[in-house]
Amino acid sequence: MLKSMTAYVSISHIHKGCSVSCDIKSVNGKSLDINFKSNFILPKAELAIRELISKKVHRGNIEINLNAETIAQPSFVLNKKLIKEIKEELNKSDLDIKNLSFSDIKDIPNIFIDPKKSAFPENIVKKFFKETFKAFIENKEIEGEKIKKTFIDRVKKIHKNLTSLANEVDKNKLKRKKNILNKLNSVSLEVSDDSASDEAVNQIIKSDISEEIDRLDFHKSSLSEELVSKRAKGKKIDFILLEMLREVNTILAKVTFSKEKKYALDIKIYIEEMREQVSNVE
């Protein structure tokens, strides 16, 4: 399934006088980059969350803010473990700690603990994050579906123009041969000469785009298959579009008649439009 790299979801949950909120935002990126911020999650839980994300998301810059706040009047207590560690370090130093007052330590980060926040059950947090992350993935899929519809529309237009181009090229075969012979004749060569005939054949072969049309049609089919694949990837789609662009550029360099150029140019425009959009595909 096609998924967009850009998505945003924000959900809050209330539990025993505490509110936990989770914001997940994703923007375009060449690889997966996760920026995680939280005011209560422990490193072990953060690692589990990162592993969960990496299984479901392959590309994009993801920013996660997972925070807990007490709704009722907060009841702070001193972080005794931290105070003990500070005391041990101070005893090792040459500082005079006899006159140390509360005002000297009150601004140390994490010196106070909110029991309600720290008591937030880990299983509740994991369940809440999974629900938020599920909504995030659904958001990416909804946006991806919109991109897919745009791509399918462009592929249909490419198919139509490619069919018209092939018909126009086939119709102009005799005109092309006559034009080449006239050019050879204009430089004082007898068109009946074997050399002139050979040159005419060579020019016709050089101007032939049947192989390019076949390859372009093949890439178009590959693109259609990738768009409906359950594991559609933006990198693969971009590669296919790059190959299609190369073929249509060769066609534009070879064709001479105005209608042929028009069909080929329209095809190129549709490919370029998809290449601009594919940067949003995971």
Protein backbone atom coordinates (compact mmCIF):
# COMPACT_ATOMS: atom_id res chain seq x y z
CA MET A 1 0.00 0.00 0.00
CA LEU A 2 1.22 3.45 -0.92
CA LYS A 3 1.96 5.57 2.16
CA SER A 4 2.75 9.25 2.40
CA MET A 5 5.82 10.38 4.32
CA THR A 6 3.97 13.43 5.63
CA ALA A 7 1.44 12.89 8.42
CA TYR A 8 0.39 14.33 11.79
CA VAL A 9 -1.68 13.01 14.69
CA SER A 10 -2.28 14.26 18.24
CA ILE A 11 -4.16 12.27 20.92
CA SER A 12 -4.63 12.71 24.69
CA HIS A 13 -5.55 10.18 27.37
CA ILE A 14 -6.68 10.63 31.00
CA HIS A 15 -5.67 8.17 33.72
CA LYS A 16 -6.08 8.64 37.51
CA GLY A 17 -5.64 12.38 37.68
CA CYS A 18 -2.95 12.47 35.00
CA SER A 19 -3.17 13.42 31.32
CA VAL A 20 -0.77 11.90 28.81
CA SER A 21 -0.56 13.41 25.32
CA CYS A 22 1.19 12.11 22.22
CA ASP A 23 1.99 14.11 19.08
CA ILE A 24 3.52 12.33 16.09
CA LYS A 25 4.63 14.34 13.08
CA SER A 26 6.39 13.06 9.97
CA VAL A 27 7.98 14.92 7.05
CA ASN A 28 10.00 13.86 4.00
CA GLY A 29 13.40 12.24 4.49
CA LYS A 30 15.77 9.98 2.55
CA SER A 31 15.96 7.52 5.46
CA LEU A 32 14.23 6.89 8.79
CA ASP A 33 15.13 9.46 11.45
CA ILE A 34 13.26 9.40 14.79
CA ASN A 35 13.39 12.37 17.19
CA PHE A 36 11.81 11.29 20.50
CA LYS A 37 10.98 13.65 23.39
CA SER A 38 9.25 12.78 26.66
CA ASN A 39 9.11 14.11 30.23
CA PHE A 40 8.47 10.72 31.87
CA ILE A 41 9.33 7.79 29.57
CA LEU A 42 12.29 5.66 30.64
CA PRO A 43 15.05 4.67 28.12
CA LYS A 44 13.85 1.04 28.02
CA ALA A 45 10.31 2.08 27.02
CA GLU A 46 11.70 4.55 24.48
CA LEU A 47 13.74 1.77 22.85
CA ALA A 48 10.60 -0.40 22.53
CA ILE A 49 8.75 2.51 20.92
CA ARG A 50 11.59 3.09 18.43
CA GLU A 51 11.59 -0.61 17.49
CA LEU A 52 7.82 -0.53 16.93
CA ILE A 53 8.17 2.48 14.60
CA SER A 54 11.05 0.99 12.58
CA LYS A 55 8.94 -2.11 11.82
CA LYS A 56 6.15 -0.05 10.29
CA VAL A 57 7.92 2.99 8.82
CA HIS A 58 10.89 2.91 6.41
CA ARG A 59 11.49 6.54 5.42
CA GLY A 60 10.83 10.01 6.81
CA ASN A 61 11.81 12.34 9.63
CA ILE A 62 9.53 11.51 12.57
CA GLU A 63 9.12 13.74 15.61
CA ILE A 64 7.40 12.29 18.70
CA ASN A 65 6.38 14.23 21.81
CA LEU A 66 5.04 11.98 24.58
CA ASN A 67 4.35 13.94 27.77
CA ALA A 68 2.41 13.47 31.02
CA GLU A 69 0.88 16.23 33.15
CA THR A 70 -1.06 16.04 36.40
CA ILE A 71 -4.61 17.36 36.20
CA ALA A 72 -5.19 17.56 39.97
CA GLN A 73 -3.01 19.56 42.36
CA PRO A 74 0.51 18.16 41.96
CA SER A 75 2.16 16.68 45.05
CA PHE A 76 5.92 16.83 44.70
CA VAL A 77 8.41 14.90 46.83
CA LEU A 78 12.17 15.10 46.91
CA ASN A 79 14.08 12.65 44.73
CA LYS A 80 15.93 10.90 47.57
CA LYS A 81 17.99 8.74 45.23
CA LEU A 82 19.27 11.77 43.36
CA ILE A 83 19.98 13.66 46.60
CA LYS A 84 22.01 10.70 47.87
CA GLU A 85 24.07 10.65 44.67
CA ILE A 86 24.67 14.42 44.89
CA LYS A 87 25.74 14.07 48.54
CA GLU A 88 28.23 11.32 47.67
CA GLU A 89 29.76 13.44 44.94
CA LEU A 90 30.00 16.47 47.17
CA ASN A 91 31.74 14.44 49.88
CA LYS A 92 34.39 13.49 47.32
CA SER A 93 35.00 17.17 46.52
CA ASP A 94 36.75 19.93 48.47
CA LEU A 95 33.56 21.95 48.79
CA ASP A 96 32.17 22.96 52.19
CA ILE A 97 28.80 21.20 52.34
CA LYS A 98 28.04 21.98 56.02
CA ASN A 99 26.37 25.25 55.09
CA LEU A 100 24.52 23.78 52.09
CA SER A 101 20.87 24.93 52.06
CA PHE A 102 17.71 23.88 50.24
CA SER A 103 17.91 26.92 47.95
CA ASP A 104 21.24 25.58 46.66
CA ILE A 105 19.73 22.38 45.29
CA LYS A 106 16.09 23.29 44.48
CA ASP A 107 16.87 24.14 40.84
CA ILE A 108 18.70 20.90 40.05
CA PRO A 109 16.82 19.03 37.27
CA ASN A 110 14.64 16.12 38.51
CA ILE A 111 15.27 17.02 42.18
CA PHE A 112 11.49 16.79 42.67
CA ILE A 113 9.27 13.86 41.71
CA ASP A 114 5.56 14.01 40.92
CA PRO A 115 4.31 10.66 42.34
CA LYS A 116 1.21 10.68 40.14
CA LYS A 117 3.21 11.14 36.96
CA SER A 118 5.86 8.56 37.87
CA ALA A 119 3.15 6.07 38.83
CA PHE A 120 1.68 6.09 35.32
CA PRO A 121 1.59 2.32 34.44
CA GLU A 122 3.95 1.29 31.62
CA ASN A 123 1.37 -1.06 30.07
CA ILE A 124 -1.12 1.84 29.85
CA VAL A 125 1.52 4.03 28.16
CA LYS A 126 2.38 1.31 25.62
CA LYS A 127 -1.29 0.69 24.83
CA PHE A 128 -1.92 4.41 24.43
CA PHE A 129 1.11 4.87 22.16
CA LYS A 130 0.10 1.90 19.98
CA GLU A 131 -3.36 3.43 19.50
CA THR A 132 -1.80 6.79 18.58
CA PHE A 133 0.71 5.15 16.26
CA LYS A 134 -2.09 3.18 14.56
CA ALA A 135 -3.93 6.44 13.88
CA PHE A 136 -0.66 7.89 12.54
CA ILE A 137 -0.19 4.99 10.09
CA GLU A 138 -3.83 5.30 8.97
CA ASN A 139 -3.21 9.01 8.32
CA LYS A 140 -0.18 8.13 6.16
CA GLU A 141 -2.24 5.57 4.23
CA ILE A 142 -5.08 8.03 3.60
CA GLU A 143 -2.63 10.58 2.20
CA GLY A 144 -0.90 7.81 0.25
CA GLU A 145 -4.22 6.81 -1.32
CA LYS A 146 -4.68 10.37 -2.58
CA ILE A 147 -1.20 10.29 -4.17
CA LYS A 148 -1.94 6.87 -5.72
CA LYS A 149 -5.13 8.17 -7.37
CA THR A 150 -3.13 11.06 -8.85
CA PHE A 151 -0.49 8.65 -10.15
CA ILE A 152 -3.06 6.26 -11.66
CA ASP A 153 -4.68 9.20 -13.46
CA ARG A 154 -1.27 10.22 -14.90
CA VAL A 155 -0.52 6.64 -15.96
CA LYS A 156 -3.83 6.48 -17.87
CA LYS A 157 -2.97 9.73 -19.65
CA ILE A 158 0.51 8.42 -20.50
CA HIS A 159 -1.05 5.24 -21.93
CA LYS A 160 -3.42 7.28 -24.08
CA ASN A 161 -0.64 9.51 -25.41
CA LEU A 162 1.70 6.56 -25.95
CA THR A 163 -0.94 4.80 -28.07
CA SER A 164 -1.50 7.98 -30.10
CA LEU A 165 2.26 8.44 -30.50
CA ALA A 166 2.73 4.87 -31.80
CA ASN A 167 -0.12 5.34 -34.29
CA GLU A 168 1.25 8.68 -35.45
CA VAL A 169 4.76 7.28 -35.93
CA ASP A 170 3.38 4.36 -37.96
CA LYS A 171 1.32 6.76 -40.09
CA ASN A 172 4.36 8.96 -40.79
CA LYS A 173 6.73 6.19 -41.94
CA LEU A 174 6.38 7.00 -45.65
CA LYS A 175 6.59 10.76 -44.98
CA ARG A 176 9.77 10.25 -42.98
CA LYS A 177 11.36 8.18 -45.75
CA LYS A 178 10.39 10.75 -48.39
CA ASN A 179 11.82 13.61 -46.30
CA ILE A 180 15.12 11.79 -45.90
CA LEU A 181 15.35 11.08 -49.63
CA ASN A 182 14.55 14.72 -50.43
CA LYS A 183 17.33 15.87 -48.10
CA LEU A 184 19.79 13.52 -49.73
CA ASN A 185 18.68 14.72 -53.16
CA SER A 186 19.10 18.36 -52.12
CA VAL A 187 22.83 17.78 -51.60
CA SER A 188 23.31 16.66 -55.22
CA LEU A 189 23.07 12.90 -54.60
CA GLU A 190 21.15 10.69 -57.00
CA VAL A 191 18.44 8.95 -55.03
CA SER A 192 18.84 5.94 -57.30
CA ASP A 193 22.44 5.46 -56.16
CA ASP A 194 23.07 2.55 -53.82
CA SER A 195 24.92 4.86 -51.42
CA ALA A 196 21.94 7.16 -51.26
CA SER A 197 19.57 4.27 -50.62
CA ASP A 198 21.84 2.91 -47.88
CA GLU A 199 22.02 6.34 -46.27
CA ALA A 200 18.24 6.65 -46.42
CA VAL A 201 17.86 3.27 -44.70
CA ASN A 202 20.38 4.27 -41.98
CA GLN A 203 18.54 7.52 -41.29
CA ILE A 204 15.21 5.70 -41.06
CA ILE A 205 16.72 3.21 -38.58
CA LYS A 206 18.18 6.06 -36.47
CA SER A 207 14.83 7.83 -36.37
CA ASP A 208 12.93 4.66 -35.44
CA ILE A 209 11.48 4.84 -31.89
CA SER A 210 9.67 1.49 -31.73
CA GLU A 211 12.12 0.15 -29.10
CA GLU A 212 11.76 3.27 -26.95
CA ILE A 213 7.96 3.01 -27.15
CA ASP A 214 8.11 -0.68 -26.14
CA ARG A 215 10.40 0.07 -23.18
CA LEU A 216 8.27 3.03 -22.11
CA ASP A 217 5.18 0.81 -22.22
CA PHE A 218 6.98 -1.83 -20.14
CA HIS A 219 8.00 0.74 -17.49
CA LYS A 220 4.44 2.08 -17.45
CA SER A 221 3.14 -1.42 -16.67
CA SER A 222 5.80 -1.86 -13.94
CA LEU A 223 4.70 1.45 -12.42
CA SER A 224 1.05 0.37 -12.40
CA GLU A 225 1.97 -2.88 -10.65
CA GLU A 226 4.04 -1.07 -8.00
CA LEU A 227 1.24 1.42 -7.28
CA VAL A 228 -1.18 -1.37 -6.28
CA SER A 229 1.45 -3.47 -4.49
CA LYS A 230 1.02 -4.06 -0.74
CA ARG A 231 4.70 -3.14 -0.31
CA ALA A 232 4.86 -0.15 -2.64
CA LYS A 233 8.06 1.85 -2.15
CA GLY A 234 8.76 5.44 -3.11
CA LYS A 235 12.39 4.68 -4.07
CA LYS A 236 11.35 2.01 -6.58
CA ILE A 237 8.65 4.25 -8.06
CA ASP A 238 11.19 7.06 -8.43
CA PHE A 239 13.60 4.68 -10.22
CA ILE A 240 10.88 3.57 -12.67
CA LEU A 241 9.93 7.19 -13.37
CA LEU A 242 13.58 8.03 -14.01
CA GLU A 243 13.79 5.22 -16.58
CA MET A 244 10.57 6.44 -18.23
CA LEU A 245 11.97 9.96 -18.38
CA ARG A 246 15.12 8.71 -20.08
CA GLU A 247 13.11 6.87 -22.76
CA VAL A 248 10.81 9.82 -23.49
CA ASN A 249 13.81 12.18 -23.78
CA THR A 250 15.28 9.84 -26.41
CA ILE A 251 11.95 9.85 -28.25
CA LEU A 252 11.82 13.65 -28.22
CA ALA A 253 15.33 13.77 -29.69
CA LYS A 254 14.32 11.44 -32.55
CA VAL A 255 10.81 12.48 -33.64
CA THR A 256 10.40 15.25 -36.22
CA PHE A 257 6.69 15.76 -36.82
CA SER A 258 4.71 18.17 -34.63
CA LYS A 259 2.02 15.72 -33.45
CA GLU A 260 4.66 13.18 -32.48
CA LYS A 261 6.48 15.81 -30.44
CA LYS A 262 3.22 16.92 -28.80
CA TYR A 263 2.36 13.39 -27.60
CA ALA A 264 5.91 12.77 -26.37
CA LEU A 265 6.04 16.15 -24.61
CA ASP A 266 2.72 15.48 -22.84
CA ILE A 267 4.10 12.13 -21.65
CA LYS A 268 7.20 13.87 -20.29
CA ILE A 269 5.09 16.44 -18.41
CA TYR A 270 3.06 13.68 -16.72
CA ILE A 271 6.26 11.86 -15.70
CA GLU A 272 7.75 15.07 -14.30
CA GLU A 273 4.56 15.72 -12.29
CA MET A 274 4.80 12.25 -10.74
CA ARG A 275 8.50 12.72 -9.95
CA GLU A 276 7.62 15.85 -7.98
CA GLN A 277 5.00 13.90 -6.00
CA VAL A 278 7.07 10.75 -5.41
CA SER A 279 9.27 12.64 -2.94
CA ASN A 280 6.24 12.45 -0.59
CA VAL A 281 5.96 8.64 -0.86
CA GLU A 282 7.50 6.45 1.83
